[in-house]
């Protein structure tokens, strides 16, 4: 039973109730129209509340309850000074409005810190893994995540935020052909992960209206779910780490898995292009590691035997400096 059918049945039920409960001075037809209109108004109100998150609603309710308690306590305190019932009732009404408003506003502004609110408490069995990993846009477009998921290297629950899907859709609809291709590739990769990985993947509806930046929303969601962020974005990696969020970076994983090369080790390499320094040539290993060969510019395009002299680890990856063996 889909949502449209439920709404139609609700309107019909409202019309029937309106017909049966119509005032005797009215005709049943008028009561039926009024009942249908009231049901339609409720449906429109429900549609308008779709952007209201469960966590936000629970925070508002929590603040409202706290405001009512504070208003009750303050009203009891004022009753010690006011004996006029009319004046006391007015004071109680004013205090109730003030404290309820302040309680809801404060709760909504600080909803990410209310860890005791029910939607923020994740109840699970003791034998169930509590690890939650959030995918960002870059890691989906990157594509290597498919093989990582298939190997079951990631454990626990995979969360893909709705705002990440929205960003992928915007990239896929871009007028720039390169961006459009990357966006469509990301959507295809995501579809493949859902169908073939066999992992527990959830689309999370939580959005954060206070910011428009996707990276900022990812950080807020990671704090909310106490989750890790999986990314290949260097800037997001640094920002999230500064705020105490665990980050899994595929580029760092790939660099860590590259075979170790020690000074004095020999290898064969095909020289592809010139190096940055004088008389250097550059080649690449099968895993993409850059190999810089000294005094080899004249041998570009050839396969040569080299010996490693030093290894440099950079943010972009590992670089191996070599010289031609004699």
Protein backbone atom coordinates (compact mmCIF):
# COMPACT_ATOMS: atom_id res chain seq x y z
CA UNK A 1 0.00 0.00 0.00
CA UNK A 2 1.71 3.20 -1.14
CA UNK A 3 1.43 6.67 0.32
CA UNK A 4 -0.97 7.98 -2.33
CA UNK A 5 -3.49 5.21 -1.64
CA UNK A 6 -3.31 5.89 2.11
CA UNK A 7 -4.00 9.57 1.51
CA UNK A 8 -6.97 8.80 -0.74
CA UNK A 9 -8.44 6.47 1.89
CA UNK A 10 -7.90 9.15 4.54
CA UNK A 11 -9.81 11.74 2.49
CA UNK A 12 -12.65 9.29 1.85
CA UNK A 13 -12.79 8.47 5.57
CA UNK A 14 -12.92 12.19 6.37
CA UNK A 15 -15.81 12.63 3.97
CA UNK A 16 -17.71 9.72 5.52
CA UNK A 17 -17.14 11.05 9.05
CA UNK A 18 -18.19 14.54 7.93
CA UNK A 19 -21.37 13.13 6.42
CA UNK A 20 -22.26 11.18 9.58
CA UNK A 21 -21.45 13.97 12.05
CA UNK A 22 -22.92 16.90 10.12
CA UNK A 23 -25.13 19.33 12.01
CA UNK A 24 -28.84 18.53 11.57
CA UNK A 25 -29.37 22.00 10.12
CA UNK A 26 -26.87 21.20 7.35
CA UNK A 27 -27.24 18.70 4.58
CA UNK A 28 -25.10 15.59 4.60
CA UNK A 29 -23.43 16.76 1.39
CA UNK A 30 -22.06 19.90 3.08
CA UNK A 31 -20.74 17.83 6.01
CA UNK A 32 -19.07 15.47 3.54
CA UNK A 33 -17.35 18.39 1.80
CA UNK A 34 -16.17 19.87 5.11
CA UNK A 35 -14.81 16.49 6.24
CA UNK A 36 -12.95 16.02 2.94
CA UNK A 37 -11.48 19.55 3.10
CA UNK A 38 -10.27 19.02 6.67
CA UNK A 39 -8.63 15.73 5.68
CA UNK A 40 -6.99 17.48 2.71
CA UNK A 41 -5.68 20.24 4.98
CA UNK A 42 -4.13 17.63 7.28
CA UNK A 43 -2.45 15.97 4.30
CA UNK A 44 -1.03 19.32 3.18
CA UNK A 45 0.22 19.93 6.71
CA UNK A 46 1.84 16.47 6.76
CA UNK A 47 3.51 17.17 3.38
CA UNK A 48 4.90 20.41 4.76
CA UNK A 49 6.44 18.57 7.70
CA UNK A 50 8.51 16.25 5.50
CA UNK A 51 11.60 18.42 5.98
CA UNK A 52 11.27 18.21 9.76
CA UNK A 53 13.64 15.50 11.00
CA UNK A 54 12.73 13.10 13.78
CA UNK A 55 15.72 14.28 15.81
CA UNK A 56 14.66 17.91 15.42
CA UNK A 57 11.09 17.10 16.42
CA UNK A 58 12.23 15.13 19.46
CA UNK A 59 14.51 18.00 20.47
CA UNK A 60 11.59 20.43 20.23
CA UNK A 61 9.40 18.13 22.34
CA UNK A 62 12.17 17.78 24.90
CA UNK A 63 12.52 21.57 25.07
CA UNK A 64 8.74 21.98 25.38
CA UNK A 65 8.58 19.54 28.30
CA UNK A 66 11.52 21.27 29.98
CA UNK A 67 9.79 24.65 29.46
CA UNK A 68 6.56 23.39 31.01
CA UNK A 69 8.44 22.12 34.05
CA UNK A 70 10.27 25.42 34.49
CA UNK A 71 7.02 27.36 34.06
CA UNK A 72 5.32 25.21 36.69
CA UNK A 73 8.16 25.74 39.17
CA UNK A 74 8.28 29.48 38.49
CA UNK A 75 4.49 29.75 38.78
CA UNK A 76 4.55 28.02 42.15
CA UNK A 77 7.23 30.45 43.29
CA UNK A 78 5.14 33.45 42.19
CA UNK A 79 2.13 32.04 44.05
CA UNK A 80 3.97 32.85 47.26
CA UNK A 81 3.81 36.58 46.42
CA UNK A 82 0.51 36.92 44.52
CA UNK A 83 -2.77 36.15 46.25
CA UNK A 84 -5.04 37.49 43.50
CA UNK A 85 -6.17 34.40 41.50
CA UNK A 86 -6.71 36.42 38.30
CA UNK A 87 -3.26 38.00 38.44
CA UNK A 88 -1.67 34.64 39.30
CA UNK A 89 -3.35 32.90 36.35
CA UNK A 90 -2.08 35.61 34.00
CA UNK A 91 1.45 35.28 35.37
CA UNK A 92 1.30 31.49 34.91
CA UNK A 93 0.17 31.88 31.27
CA UNK A 94 2.95 34.39 30.53
CA UNK A 95 5.60 32.21 32.20
CA UNK A 96 4.37 29.14 30.30
CA UNK A 97 4.66 30.92 26.95
CA UNK A 98 8.11 32.32 27.75
CA UNK A 99 9.65 29.12 29.08
CA UNK A 100 8.12 26.89 26.39
CA UNK A 101 9.47 29.17 23.67
CA UNK A 102 12.92 29.40 25.21
CA UNK A 103 13.05 25.67 25.90
CA UNK A 104 12.18 24.74 22.30
CA UNK A 105 14.60 27.26 20.79
CA UNK A 106 17.50 26.20 23.00
CA UNK A 107 16.79 22.51 22.38
CA UNK A 108 16.68 22.99 18.59
CA UNK A 109 19.89 25.02 18.53
CA UNK A 110 21.74 22.46 20.62
CA UNK A 111 20.07 19.30 19.33
CA UNK A 112 23.39 17.70 18.38
CA UNK A 113 24.46 17.78 22.04
CA UNK A 114 21.29 16.17 23.42
CA UNK A 115 22.59 12.61 23.58
CA UNK A 116 19.84 11.54 25.96
CA UNK A 117 17.07 12.10 23.42
CA UNK A 118 15.65 8.78 22.26
CA UNK A 119 16.45 9.02 18.51
CA UNK A 120 20.10 9.60 19.41
CA UNK A 121 20.35 6.45 21.52
CA UNK A 122 21.03 3.48 19.30
CA UNK A 123 19.70 0.34 20.95
CA UNK A 124 21.40 -2.80 19.65
CA UNK A 125 22.26 -6.32 20.69
CA UNK A 126 25.57 -6.81 22.44
CA UNK A 127 26.79 -9.10 19.67
CA UNK A 128 25.92 -6.60 16.94
CA UNK A 129 28.70 -4.46 15.50
CA UNK A 130 28.34 -0.81 16.40
CA UNK A 131 30.68 0.53 13.69
CA UNK A 132 29.03 3.00 11.34
CA UNK A 133 30.82 4.25 8.22
CA UNK A 134 29.56 7.23 6.24
CA UNK A 135 30.39 7.50 2.52
CA UNK A 136 31.11 10.93 1.13
CA UNK A 137 30.64 11.99 -2.50
CA UNK A 138 34.31 11.71 -3.49
CA UNK A 139 34.70 8.11 -2.37
CA UNK A 140 31.63 7.04 -4.35
CA UNK A 141 32.84 8.73 -7.54
CA UNK A 142 36.36 7.34 -7.02
CA UNK A 143 35.13 3.80 -7.77
CA UNK A 144 37.63 1.76 -5.77
CA UNK A 145 35.04 1.39 -3.03
CA UNK A 146 33.32 -1.35 -5.06
CA UNK A 147 36.27 -3.74 -4.69
CA UNK A 148 36.75 -2.76 -1.04
CA UNK A 149 33.10 -3.59 -0.28
CA UNK A 150 33.32 -6.90 -2.14
CA UNK A 151 36.32 -7.97 -0.07
CA UNK A 152 34.34 -7.23 3.14
CA UNK A 153 37.24 -5.08 4.32
CA UNK A 154 34.68 -2.69 5.83
CA UNK A 155 32.59 -3.96 8.71
CA UNK A 156 29.47 -2.71 10.41
CA UNK A 157 26.82 -0.50 8.86
CA UNK A 158 27.28 1.64 5.75
CA UNK A 159 25.42 4.97 5.77
CA UNK A 160 24.92 7.07 2.67
CA UNK A 161 23.40 10.47 3.54
CA UNK A 162 20.53 11.82 1.49
CA UNK A 163 22.42 15.08 0.94
CA UNK A 164 25.28 13.12 -0.67
CA UNK A 165 22.80 11.54 -3.08
CA UNK A 166 21.47 15.02 -3.81
CA UNK A 167 24.98 16.27 -4.57
CA UNK A 168 25.61 13.31 -6.87
CA UNK A 169 22.37 14.09 -8.70
CA UNK A 170 23.39 17.74 -9.11
CA UNK A 171 26.77 16.70 -10.52
CA UNK A 172 25.09 14.22 -12.88
CA UNK A 173 22.78 17.01 -14.13
CA UNK A 174 25.63 19.49 -14.63
CA UNK A 175 26.09 21.21 -17.98
CA UNK A 176 29.81 20.47 -17.78
CA UNK A 177 30.31 17.14 -19.63
CA UNK A 178 33.19 16.07 -17.35
CA UNK A 179 31.21 16.72 -14.17
CA UNK A 180 28.14 15.08 -15.67
CA UNK A 181 30.13 11.95 -16.50
CA UNK A 182 31.60 11.81 -12.98
CA UNK A 183 28.16 12.23 -11.41
CA UNK A 184 26.59 9.50 -13.51
CA UNK A 185 29.53 7.23 -12.78
CA UNK A 186 29.04 7.84 -9.07
CA UNK A 187 25.34 6.92 -9.28
CA UNK A 188 26.18 3.74 -11.20
CA UNK A 189 28.84 2.80 -8.64
CA UNK A 190 26.39 3.38 -5.80
CA UNK A 191 23.80 1.20 -7.53
CA UNK A 192 26.42 -1.55 -7.97
CA UNK A 193 27.42 -1.36 -4.30
CA UNK A 194 23.80 -1.73 -3.17
CA UNK A 195 23.15 -4.72 -5.44
CA UNK A 196 26.40 -6.68 -5.32
CA UNK A 197 28.28 -5.86 -2.11
CA UNK A 198 25.93 -7.74 0.22
CA UNK A 199 26.61 -5.21 2.97
CA UNK A 200 24.21 -3.45 5.32
CA UNK A 201 23.64 -0.12 3.51
CA UNK A 202 21.25 2.55 4.77
CA UNK A 203 20.15 5.83 3.17
CA UNK A 204 20.07 8.37 6.00
CA UNK A 205 17.44 11.10 5.79
CA UNK A 206 19.01 13.47 8.32
CA UNK A 207 19.77 16.90 6.89
CA UNK A 208 21.24 19.99 8.54
CA UNK A 209 19.45 23.12 7.40
CA UNK A 210 21.86 25.39 9.29
CA UNK A 211 24.60 24.74 6.70
CA UNK A 212 24.73 24.25 2.95
CA UNK A 213 28.23 22.75 2.80
CA UNK A 214 28.19 18.99 2.24
CA UNK A 215 31.49 18.51 4.11
CA UNK A 216 30.10 20.36 7.15
CA UNK A 217 26.96 18.20 7.04
CA UNK A 218 29.10 15.06 6.91
CA UNK A 219 30.99 16.16 10.02
CA UNK A 220 27.75 16.92 11.88
CA UNK A 221 26.23 13.58 10.88
CA UNK A 222 29.38 11.71 11.92
CA UNK A 223 29.20 13.37 15.34
CA UNK A 224 25.52 12.54 15.62
CA UNK A 225 25.95 8.86 14.73
CA UNK A 226 29.41 8.51 16.31
CA UNK A 227 30.50 7.24 12.91
CA UNK A 228 33.61 7.17 10.74
CA UNK A 229 33.85 8.99 7.41
CA UNK A 230 35.18 7.15 4.35
CA UNK A 231 36.68 9.59 1.85
CA UNK A 232 39.47 10.40 -0.60
CA UNK A 233 39.12 14.13 0.03
CA UNK A 234 42.28 15.47 1.71
CA UNK A 235 40.61 18.64 3.06
CA UNK A 236 37.66 16.74 4.55
CA UNK A 237 40.13 14.31 6.09
CA UNK A 238 41.94 17.11 7.91
CA UNK A 239 38.81 19.03 8.99
CA UNK A 240 37.11 15.91 10.36
CA UNK A 241 40.26 14.73 12.15
CA UNK A 242 40.66 18.12 13.86
CA UNK A 243 37.13 17.76 15.24
CA UNK A 244 37.87 14.32 16.66
CA UNK A 245 36.14 12.25 13.96
CA UNK A 246 37.75 9.05 12.74
CA UNK A 247 38.44 9.16 9.01
CA UNK A 248 39.16 6.27 6.65
CA UNK A 249 41.05 7.55 3.60
CA UNK A 250 41.33 5.18 0.66
CA UNK A 251 44.40 7.01 -0.67
CA UNK A 252 46.22 6.46 2.62
CA UNK A 253 45.18 2.80 2.53
CA UNK A 254 46.47 2.42 -1.04
CA UNK A 255 49.80 4.04 -0.11
CA UNK A 256 50.15 1.77 2.90
CA UNK A 257 49.57 -1.33 0.75
CA UNK A 258 52.18 -0.46 -1.86
CA UNK A 259 55.17 -2.81 -1.80
CA UNK A 260 58.15 -1.55 0.17
CA UNK A 261 61.26 -0.64 -1.78
CA UNK A 262 64.59 -0.33 0.03
CA UNK A 263 67.73 1.47 -1.09
CA UNK A 264 69.92 -0.89 -3.10
CA UNK A 265 66.98 -2.88 -4.47
CA UNK A 266 67.03 -3.44 -8.24
CA UNK A 267 64.04 -3.24 -10.59
CA UNK A 268 63.10 -2.93 -14.23
CA UNK A 269 61.22 0.17 -15.30
CA UNK A 270 60.05 1.69 -18.57
CA UNK A 271 60.89 5.38 -18.83
CA UNK A 272 57.87 7.43 -19.90
CA UNK A 273 58.76 11.12 -19.73
CA UNK A 274 61.23 13.72 -18.58
CA UNK A 275 61.68 14.53 -14.92
CA UNK A 276 61.54 17.96 -13.30
CA UNK A 277 65.27 18.18 -12.72
CA UNK A 278 68.02 18.18 -15.31
CA UNK A 279 68.64 14.89 -17.14
CA UNK A 280 65.99 12.99 -15.15
CA UNK A 281 63.52 10.48 -16.56
CA UNK A 282 60.34 9.18 -14.97
CA UNK A 283 58.63 5.79 -15.05
CA UNK A 284 55.89 4.10 -13.04
CA UNK A 285 55.48 0.77 -11.28
CA UNK A 286 52.38 -1.34 -11.82
CA UNK A 287 50.73 0.16 -8.72
CA UNK A 288 51.28 3.74 -9.97
CA UNK A 289 54.33 4.56 -7.83
CA UNK A 290 56.52 7.18 -9.52
CA UNK A 291 60.12 6.17 -10.17
CA UNK A 292 62.62 8.95 -10.89
CA UNK A 293 65.80 7.85 -12.68
CA UNK A 294 68.87 10.09 -12.61
CA UNK A 295 70.96 10.68 -15.72
CA UNK A 296 68.46 8.82 -17.94
CA UNK A 297 66.82 11.44 -20.14
CA UNK A 298 68.43 9.97 -23.26
CA UNK A 299 66.79 6.58 -22.51
CA UNK A 300 63.14 7.75 -22.48
CA UNK A 301 60.93 5.09 -24.12
CA UNK A 302 63.24 2.21 -23.17
CA UNK A 303 63.10 -0.47 -20.48
CA UNK A 304 66.04 -0.07 -18.14
CA UNK A 305 67.40 -1.76 -15.05
CA UNK A 306 67.74 0.60 -12.11
CA UNK A 307 68.73 0.46 -8.45
CA UNK A 308 66.89 2.40 -5.74
CA UNK A 309 68.87 5.10 -3.95
CA UNK A 310 66.15 6.66 -1.74
CA UNK A 311 62.40 6.61 -1.12
CA UNK A 312 60.32 9.76 -0.45
CA UNK A 313 56.81 9.57 1.04
CA UNK A 314 54.59 12.55 0.15
CA UNK A 315 50.91 13.38 0.52
CA UNK A 316 50.44 12.47 -3.14
CA UNK A 317 52.09 9.08 -2.69
CA UNK A 318 55.48 7.40 -2.68
CA UNK A 319 58.35 8.46 -4.95
CA UNK A 320 61.37 6.24 -5.59
CA UNK A 321 64.67 7.79 -6.70
CA UNK A 322 66.96 5.49 -8.64
CA UNK A 323 69.99 5.38 -10.88
CA UNK A 324 70.85 3.14 -13.81
CA UNK A 325 72.81 0.01 -12.92
CA UNK A 326 76.02 -0.70 -14.77
